[in-house]
Protein backbone atom coordinates (compact mmCIF):
# COMPACT_ATOMS: atom_id res chain seq x y z
CA UNK A 1 -0.16 -0.08 0.08
CA UNK A 2 1.33 3.41 -1.19
CA UNK A 3 2.12 6.31 1.71
CA UNK A 4 -0.88 8.35 -0.11
CA UNK A 5 -2.88 5.21 0.58
CA UNK A 6 -2.27 4.37 3.95
CA UNK A 7 -2.99 8.12 5.15
CA UNK A 8 -6.24 8.22 3.50
CA UNK A 9 -6.84 5.18 4.66
CA UNK A 10 -5.58 5.97 8.53
CA UNK A 11 -7.81 9.17 8.25
CA UNK A 12 -10.72 7.43 7.19
CA UNK A 13 -10.22 5.24 10.04
CA UNK A 14 -10.05 7.95 12.34
CA UNK A 15 -13.54 9.43 11.15
CA UNK A 16 -15.25 6.51 11.47
CA UNK A 17 -14.23 5.98 14.77
CA UNK A 18 -14.86 9.94 16.05
CA UNK A 19 -18.64 9.24 13.79
CA UNK A 20 -19.17 6.21 15.93
CA UNK A 21 -18.10 7.81 19.55
CA UNK A 22 -20.21 11.23 18.50
CA UNK A 23 -23.50 9.35 16.93
CA UNK A 24 -23.35 7.23 21.00
CA UNK A 25 -23.06 9.90 22.57
CA UNK A 26 -25.28 13.18 20.81
CA UNK A 27 -27.15 10.93 18.29
CA UNK A 28 -27.75 11.54 14.66
CA UNK A 29 -29.18 15.03 14.81
CA UNK A 30 -27.43 15.92 17.76
CA UNK A 31 -24.31 15.75 15.69
CA UNK A 32 -22.59 17.92 13.27
CA UNK A 33 -19.93 17.78 10.86
CA UNK A 34 -18.13 20.24 12.77
CA UNK A 35 -18.07 18.30 15.59
CA UNK A 36 -17.07 14.60 13.65
CA UNK A 37 -14.33 16.84 12.00
CA UNK A 38 -12.91 18.05 15.49
CA UNK A 39 -13.50 14.53 16.85
CA UNK A 40 -11.60 13.11 13.86
CA UNK A 41 -8.81 15.43 14.32
CA UNK A 42 -9.08 16.91 10.78
CA UNK A 43 -10.42 19.92 9.66
CA UNK A 44 -14.36 20.22 8.05
CA UNK A 45 -13.32 20.29 4.82
CA UNK A 46 -11.02 17.47 4.98
CA UNK A 47 -14.05 15.78 6.51
CA UNK A 48 -15.94 16.52 3.65
CA UNK A 49 -13.49 14.95 1.02
CA UNK A 50 -13.99 11.72 2.35
CA UNK A 51 -17.60 12.14 3.11
CA UNK A 52 -21.07 12.67 1.22
CA UNK A 53 -22.94 13.43 4.13
CA UNK A 54 -23.23 12.49 7.79
CA UNK A 55 -26.31 10.54 7.18
CA UNK A 56 -24.08 8.75 4.68
CA UNK A 57 -21.24 8.50 7.08
CA UNK A 58 -23.85 7.29 9.47
CA UNK A 59 -25.36 4.71 7.78
CA UNK A 60 -21.57 3.24 7.17
CA UNK A 61 -20.85 3.68 10.79
CA UNK A 62 -24.48 1.41 11.43
CA UNK A 63 -23.26 -1.42 8.68
CA UNK A 64 -19.66 -1.73 10.15
CA UNK A 65 -21.93 -2.92 13.48
CA UNK A 66 -24.50 -4.91 12.10
CA UNK A 67 -21.90 -6.78 10.40
CA UNK A 68 -19.70 -7.40 13.07
CA UNK A 69 -22.54 -8.58 15.01
CA UNK A 70 -23.79 -11.03 12.18
CA UNK A 71 -20.04 -12.24 11.56
CA UNK A 72 -19.81 -13.61 15.30
CA UNK A 73 -23.02 -15.32 15.14
CA UNK A 74 -21.99 -19.05 16.84
CA UNK A 75 -18.31 -18.71 14.79
CA UNK A 76 -15.75 -21.28 14.77
CA UNK A 77 -16.05 -25.17 13.83
CA UNK A 78 -17.06 -26.94 16.77
CA UNK A 79 -20.57 -28.56 17.45
CA UNK A 80 -20.16 -29.12 21.06
CA UNK A 81 -22.70 -26.58 22.21
CA UNK A 82 -20.85 -25.72 26.02
CA UNK A 83 -17.82 -24.58 23.96
CA UNK A 84 -20.28 -22.86 21.17
CA UNK A 85 -21.95 -21.14 23.73
CA UNK A 86 -19.27 -20.48 25.85
CA UNK A 87 -17.12 -18.75 23.01
CA UNK A 88 -20.22 -16.75 21.97
CA UNK A 89 -21.39 -15.26 25.40
CA UNK A 90 -17.38 -14.50 25.69
CA UNK A 91 -17.53 -12.84 22.14
CA UNK A 92 -19.83 -10.84 22.47
CA UNK A 93 -19.30 -9.91 25.91
CA UNK A 94 -15.89 -8.61 24.74
CA UNK A 95 -17.35 -6.31 22.11
CA UNK A 96 -19.61 -4.46 24.75
CA UNK A 97 -16.72 -3.83 26.99
CA UNK A 98 -14.45 -2.91 24.24
CA UNK A 99 -16.48 -1.14 22.69
CA UNK A 100 -19.45 0.23 24.38
CA UNK A 101 -20.43 2.69 21.80
CA UNK A 102 -21.24 0.29 19.19
CA UNK A 103 -24.18 -1.19 21.57
CA UNK A 104 -25.81 2.26 22.31
CA UNK A 105 -25.36 3.45 18.88
CA UNK A 106 -27.55 0.89 17.85
CA UNK A 107 -29.83 1.05 20.77
CA UNK A 108 -30.43 4.89 19.68
CA UNK A 109 -31.38 3.91 16.05
CA UNK A 110 -34.03 1.33 17.76
CA UNK A 111 -34.68 4.14 20.16
CA UNK A 112 -35.87 6.00 17.18
CA UNK A 113 -37.87 3.76 15.34
CA UNK A 114 -34.97 2.43 13.57
CA UNK A 115 -35.53 4.22 10.43
CA UNK A 116 -31.92 3.76 8.66
CA UNK A 117 -32.14 0.12 9.32
CA UNK A 118 -34.06 -0.58 6.14
CA UNK A 119 -33.13 -3.90 4.55
CA UNK A 120 -30.41 -4.57 6.84
CA UNK A 121 -33.10 -6.46 8.97
CA UNK A 122 -33.16 -9.67 6.75
CA UNK A 123 -29.54 -9.92 7.27
CA UNK A 124 -29.66 -9.95 10.99
CA UNK A 125 -32.90 -12.37 10.76
CA UNK A 126 -30.72 -14.43 8.82
CA UNK A 127 -28.13 -15.37 11.15
CA UNK A 128 -30.37 -15.51 14.40
CA UNK A 129 -32.44 -18.26 12.02
CA UNK A 130 -29.41 -20.22 11.21
CA UNK A 131 -28.18 -19.56 15.19
CA UNK A 132 -31.51 -20.94 16.45
CA UNK A 133 -31.62 -23.69 14.17
CA UNK A 134 -28.41 -25.06 15.83
CA UNK A 135 -29.86 -24.70 18.82
CA UNK A 136 -32.47 -26.62 18.08
CA UNK A 137 -31.04 -29.41 16.54
CA UNK A 138 -28.72 -29.75 19.74
CA UNK A 139 -31.99 -30.02 22.10
CA UNK A 140 -33.25 -32.61 19.18
CA UNK A 141 -30.31 -34.69 19.59
CA UNK A 142 -30.73 -34.51 23.35
CA UNK A 143 -27.30 -32.55 24.17
CA UNK A 144 -28.95 -29.75 25.76
CA UNK A 145 -31.93 -28.62 28.03
CA UNK A 146 -34.93 -27.81 25.81
CA UNK A 147 -34.93 -24.36 25.50
CA UNK A 148 -36.71 -21.37 24.03
CA UNK A 149 -33.98 -21.30 20.96
CA UNK A 150 -34.93 -17.51 20.22
CA UNK A 151 -35.60 -16.64 23.45
CA UNK A 152 -31.86 -18.06 24.64
CA UNK A 153 -29.73 -16.00 22.18
CA UNK A 154 -31.64 -12.68 23.15
CA UNK A 155 -31.09 -13.12 26.67
CA UNK A 156 -27.73 -13.57 25.79
CA UNK A 157 -27.67 -10.08 24.10
CA UNK A 158 -29.80 -9.00 26.81
CA UNK A 159 -26.96 -9.93 29.32
CA UNK A 160 -23.78 -8.92 27.58
CA UNK A 161 -25.00 -5.75 25.96
CA UNK A 162 -26.19 -4.27 29.71
CA UNK A 163 -22.48 -4.10 30.67
CA UNK A 164 -22.86 -1.71 27.14
CA UNK A 165 -26.29 -0.12 27.67
CA UNK A 166 -25.59 0.79 31.38
CA UNK A 167 -21.94 0.84 31.47
CA UNK A 168 -22.31 4.26 33.72
CA UNK A 169 -24.62 1.96 36.33
CA UNK A 170 -22.27 -1.36 35.84
CA UNK A 171 -19.10 0.88 36.73
CA UNK A 172 -20.94 2.08 39.71
CA UNK A 173 -22.56 -0.79 40.77
CA UNK A 174 -18.82 -2.82 40.45
CA UNK A 175 -16.61 -0.01 42.13
CA UNK A 176 -14.92 0.62 38.66
CA UNK A 177 -13.74 4.24 37.71
CA UNK A 178 -14.34 5.70 34.45
CA UNK A 179 -11.72 4.92 31.89
CA UNK A 180 -10.45 1.79 34.09
CA UNK A 181 -11.08 -1.59 32.45
CA UNK A 182 -13.47 -3.67 34.03
CA UNK A 183 -12.96 -7.23 35.18
CA UNK A 184 -13.75 -9.15 31.53
CA UNK A 185 -13.09 -12.73 33.52
CA UNK A 186 -15.20 -12.31 36.20
CA UNK A 187 -18.29 -11.09 34.23
CA UNK A 188 -17.59 -13.67 31.67
CA UNK A 189 -17.15 -16.88 34.22
CA UNK A 190 -20.60 -15.89 35.54
CA UNK A 191 -22.53 -15.01 32.22
CA UNK A 192 -20.83 -18.07 30.63
CA UNK A 193 -22.09 -20.25 33.75
CA UNK A 194 -25.64 -18.58 33.42
CA UNK A 195 -25.76 -20.15 30.07
CA UNK A 196 -24.73 -23.20 30.48
CA UNK A 197 -26.50 -23.92 33.40
CA UNK A 198 -29.91 -22.65 31.47
CA UNK A 199 -28.62 -25.59 28.89
CA UNK A 200 -28.27 -28.07 31.35
CA UNK A 201 -24.80 -28.28 30.40
CA UNK A 202 -23.07 -28.17 33.43
CA UNK A 203 -22.42 -30.50 36.52
CA UNK A 204 -25.94 -29.32 37.97
CA UNK A 205 -27.73 -29.36 34.18
CA UNK A 206 -29.67 -32.80 33.25
CA UNK A 207 -27.60 -33.15 29.77
CA UNK A 208 -23.82 -32.80 30.89
């Protein structure tokens, strides 16, 4: 990659990172292009060289979030329920702790009626259908407790995204200062145990 292309990529990445932070904090309507440029460390004129509008930038950032979430659905080659559920919970939680702005931006979009989601739902729904089909197969094979596959997935999202959507509350309750890292292993161990137990995949469960 040439130096010029590398520089353009660095600026574009900085714009996307700044846009994620600003949109998550202030929403689409509450974020100005001047604000975005300042957060990215460039001039407003430079910003408009890289984007067509803040609305297009917002959609680009939203697409990135949805794509990332879709890509981690039951990733890996294992077909062991405990391994897959453990891996998924940890991945989802890691995203929530490392980039809480992504979850908060998505929540804001839903809160305003999701006007920018449009055709993006089908991609998410397809991934959900694939994941719930895997869970149902494990149930049918007697490899985990008979849960409601869709609600099981939704509860995983609720628990893991709590630490992003309610980051301030989580930090206050856990006694973690702003900017300090939350104890990933402590949180992950409890969340994993919760869902493995519900699935009957712990020593106290019915299946494992």
